[in-house]
């Protein structure tokens, strides 16, 4: 995985509010969570939530789908695994036995 892609994902997750949002989305699983539910749970203004969600979408960490008037956020678990894998792939590779 490209280091710039990983760096962007980690940068977006480095903000406490975005990390909290992402954690809520991940907890929802593959069905996702309604944006209104996230807003209600976290108690943040809609415009602020929209800004943070947009950042997570641009990093490829979540996607969105619309069902009628409801917008859902869904975690991109493959991207999450790629970021984690990037950090783990070379674990202890330079360690001398």
C-alpha atoms as a PDB file:
ATOM      1  CA  UNK A   1       0.000   0.000   0.000  1.00  0.00           C
ATOM      2  CA  UNK A   2       1.221   3.474  -0.874  1.00  0.00           C
ATOM      3  CA  UNK A   3       2.640   5.384   2.088  1.00  0.00           C
ATOM      4  CA  UNK A   4       0.774   8.564   1.118  1.00  0.00           C
ATOM      5  CA  UNK A   5      -2.571   6.745   1.254  1.00  0.00           C
ATOM      6  CA  UNK A   6      -1.748   5.274   4.656  1.00  0.00           C
ATOM      7  CA  UNK A   7      -0.550   8.657   5.931  1.00  0.00           C
ATOM      8  CA  UNK A   8      -3.832  10.323   4.862  1.00  0.00           C
ATOM      9  CA  UNK A   9      -5.902   7.638   6.572  1.00  0.00           C
ATOM     10  CA  UNK A  10      -3.891   7.932   9.771  1.00  0.00           C
ATOM     11  CA  UNK A  11      -4.060  11.733   9.606  1.00  0.00           C
ATOM     12  CA  UNK A  12      -7.840  11.660   9.402  1.00  0.00           C
ATOM     13  CA  UNK A  13      -8.063   9.164  12.250  1.00  0.00           C
ATOM     14  CA  UNK A  14      -5.714  11.358  14.293  1.00  0.00           C
ATOM     15  CA  UNK A  15      -8.509  13.812  15.112  1.00  0.00           C
ATOM     16  CA  UNK A  16     -10.454  12.830  18.261  1.00  0.00           C
ATOM     17  CA  UNK A  17     -13.885  13.611  16.792  1.00  0.00           C
ATOM     18  CA  UNK A  18     -13.193  11.733  13.550  1.00  0.00           C
ATOM     19  CA  UNK A  19     -11.813   8.781  15.483  1.00  0.00           C
ATOM     20  CA  UNK A  20     -14.977   8.711  17.607  1.00  0.00           C
ATOM     21  CA  UNK A  21     -17.160   8.875  14.489  1.00  0.00           C
ATOM     22  CA  UNK A  22     -15.140   6.134  12.803  1.00  0.00           C
ATOM     23  CA  UNK A  23     -15.369   3.922  15.870  1.00  0.00           C
ATOM     24  CA  UNK A  24     -19.175   4.297  15.821  1.00  0.00           C
ATOM     25  CA  UNK A  25     -19.276   3.401  12.135  1.00  0.00           C
ATOM     26  CA  UNK A  26     -17.015   0.372  12.625  1.00  0.00           C
ATOM     27  CA  UNK A  27     -19.158  -0.830  15.535  1.00  0.00           C
ATOM     28  CA  UNK A  28     -22.225  -0.752  13.272  1.00  0.00           C
ATOM     29  CA  UNK A  29     -20.711  -3.414  11.033  1.00  0.00           C
ATOM     30  CA  UNK A  30     -21.482  -3.955   7.371  1.00  0.00           C
ATOM     31  CA  UNK A  31     -25.014  -2.520   7.575  1.00  0.00           C
ATOM     32  CA  UNK A  32     -23.625   0.873   8.540  1.00  0.00           C
ATOM     33  CA  UNK A  33     -25.149   3.538  10.702  1.00  0.00           C
ATOM     34  CA  UNK A  34     -27.466   6.423   9.863  1.00  0.00           C
ATOM     35  CA  UNK A  35     -25.767   9.811   9.973  1.00  0.00           C
ATOM     36  CA  UNK A  36     -28.601  11.077  12.167  1.00  0.00           C
ATOM     37  CA  UNK A  37     -27.895   8.306  14.644  1.00  0.00           C
ATOM     38  CA  UNK A  38     -24.236   9.272  14.827  1.00  0.00           C
ATOM     39  CA  UNK A  39     -25.189  12.909  15.313  1.00  0.00           C
ATOM     40  CA  UNK A  40     -27.624  12.037  18.079  1.00  0.00           C
ATOM     41  CA  UNK A  41     -25.164   9.734  19.811  1.00  0.00           C
ATOM     42  CA  UNK A  42     -22.265  12.195  19.704  1.00  0.00           C
ATOM     43  CA  UNK A  43     -24.274  15.381  20.115  1.00  0.00           C
ATOM     44  CA  UNK A  44     -22.395  17.415  17.527  1.00  0.00           C
ATOM     45  CA  UNK A  45     -23.849  19.903  15.035  1.00  0.00           C
ATOM     46  CA  UNK A  46     -24.804  18.544  11.616  1.00  0.00           C
ATOM     47  CA  UNK A  47     -22.392  20.787   9.726  1.00  0.00           C
ATOM     48  CA  UNK A  48     -19.494  19.706  11.948  1.00  0.00           C
ATOM     49  CA  UNK A  49     -20.416  16.051  11.530  1.00  0.00           C
ATOM     50  CA  UNK A  50     -20.689  16.466   7.775  1.00  0.00           C
ATOM     51  CA  UNK A  51     -17.203  18.003   7.644  1.00  0.00           C
ATOM     52  CA  UNK A  52     -15.665  15.135   9.612  1.00  0.00           C
ATOM     53  CA  UNK A  53     -17.501  12.454   7.635  1.00  0.00           C
ATOM     54  CA  UNK A  54     -16.322  14.073   4.415  1.00  0.00           C
ATOM     55  CA  UNK A  55     -12.729  13.785   5.610  1.00  0.00           C
ATOM     56  CA  UNK A  56     -13.176  10.096   6.413  1.00  0.00           C
ATOM     57  CA  UNK A  57     -14.799   9.484   3.019  1.00  0.00           C
ATOM     58  CA  UNK A  58     -11.956  11.266   1.204  1.00  0.00           C
ATOM     59  CA  UNK A  59      -9.462   9.024   2.998  1.00  0.00           C
ATOM     60  CA  UNK A  60     -11.418   5.961   1.823  1.00  0.00           C
ATOM     61  CA  UNK A  61     -12.185   4.852   5.375  1.00  0.00           C
ATOM     62  CA  UNK A  62     -15.954   5.012   4.996  1.00  0.00           C
ATOM     63  CA  UNK A  63     -18.490   5.054   2.195  1.00  0.00           C
ATOM     64  CA  UNK A  64     -22.032   6.318   2.194  1.00  0.00           C
ATOM     65  CA  UNK A  65     -25.289   5.016   0.820  1.00  0.00           C
ATOM     66  CA  UNK A  66     -28.709   6.569   0.693  1.00  0.00           C
ATOM     67  CA  UNK A  67     -31.915   4.718   1.508  1.00  0.00           C
ATOM     68  CA  UNK A  68     -34.806   7.059   0.887  1.00  0.00           C
ATOM     69  CA  UNK A  69     -34.089  10.150   2.932  1.00  0.00           C
ATOM     70  CA  UNK A  70     -31.599   8.440   5.238  1.00  0.00           C
ATOM     71  CA  UNK A  71     -27.862   8.594   4.623  1.00  0.00           C
ATOM     72  CA  UNK A  72     -25.820   5.721   6.028  1.00  0.00           C
ATOM     73  CA  UNK A  73     -22.091   5.553   6.712  1.00  0.00           C
ATOM     74  CA  UNK A  74     -20.406   2.197   6.228  1.00  0.00           C
ATOM     75  CA  UNK A  75     -16.849   1.350   7.240  1.00  0.00           C
ATOM     76  CA  UNK A  76     -14.534   0.275   4.451  1.00  0.00           C
ATOM     77  CA  UNK A  77     -13.115  -2.665   6.366  1.00  0.00           C
ATOM     78  CA  UNK A  78     -10.741  -3.655   3.566  1.00  0.00           C
ATOM     79  CA  UNK A  79      -9.114  -0.210   3.743  1.00  0.00           C
ATOM     80  CA  UNK A  80      -8.860  -0.482   7.526  1.00  0.00           C
ATOM     81  CA  UNK A  81      -7.174  -3.877   7.200  1.00  0.00           C
ATOM     82  CA  UNK A  82      -4.772  -2.480   4.595  1.00  0.00           C
ATOM     83  CA  UNK A  83      -3.728   0.365   6.896  1.00  0.00           C
ATOM     84  CA  UNK A  84      -3.249  -2.000   9.830  1.00  0.00           C
ATOM     85  CA  UNK A  85      -1.391  -4.447   7.593  1.00  0.00           C
ATOM     86  CA  UNK A  86       0.918  -1.687   6.370  1.00  0.00           C
ATOM     87  CA  UNK A  87       1.925  -1.026   9.964  1.00  0.00           C
ATOM     88  CA  UNK A  88       2.357  -4.711  10.806  1.00  0.00           C
ATOM     89  CA  UNK A  89       3.947  -6.045   7.616  1.00  0.00           C
ATOM     90  CA  UNK A  90       7.500  -5.299   8.556  1.00  0.00           C
ATOM     91  CA  UNK A  91       7.200  -5.758  12.294  1.00  0.00           C
ATOM     92  CA  UNK A  92      10.559  -6.728  13.789  1.00  0.00           C
ATOM     93  CA  UNK A  93      12.119  -7.198  10.329  1.00  0.00           C
ATOM     94  CA  UNK A  94      15.322  -5.435  11.386  1.00  0.00           C
ATOM     95  CA  UNK A  95      15.571  -7.235  14.690  1.00  0.00           C
ATOM     96  CA  UNK A  96      18.767  -9.211  15.073  1.00  0.00           C
ATOM     97  CA  UNK A  97      18.523 -12.649  16.598  1.00  0.00           C
END
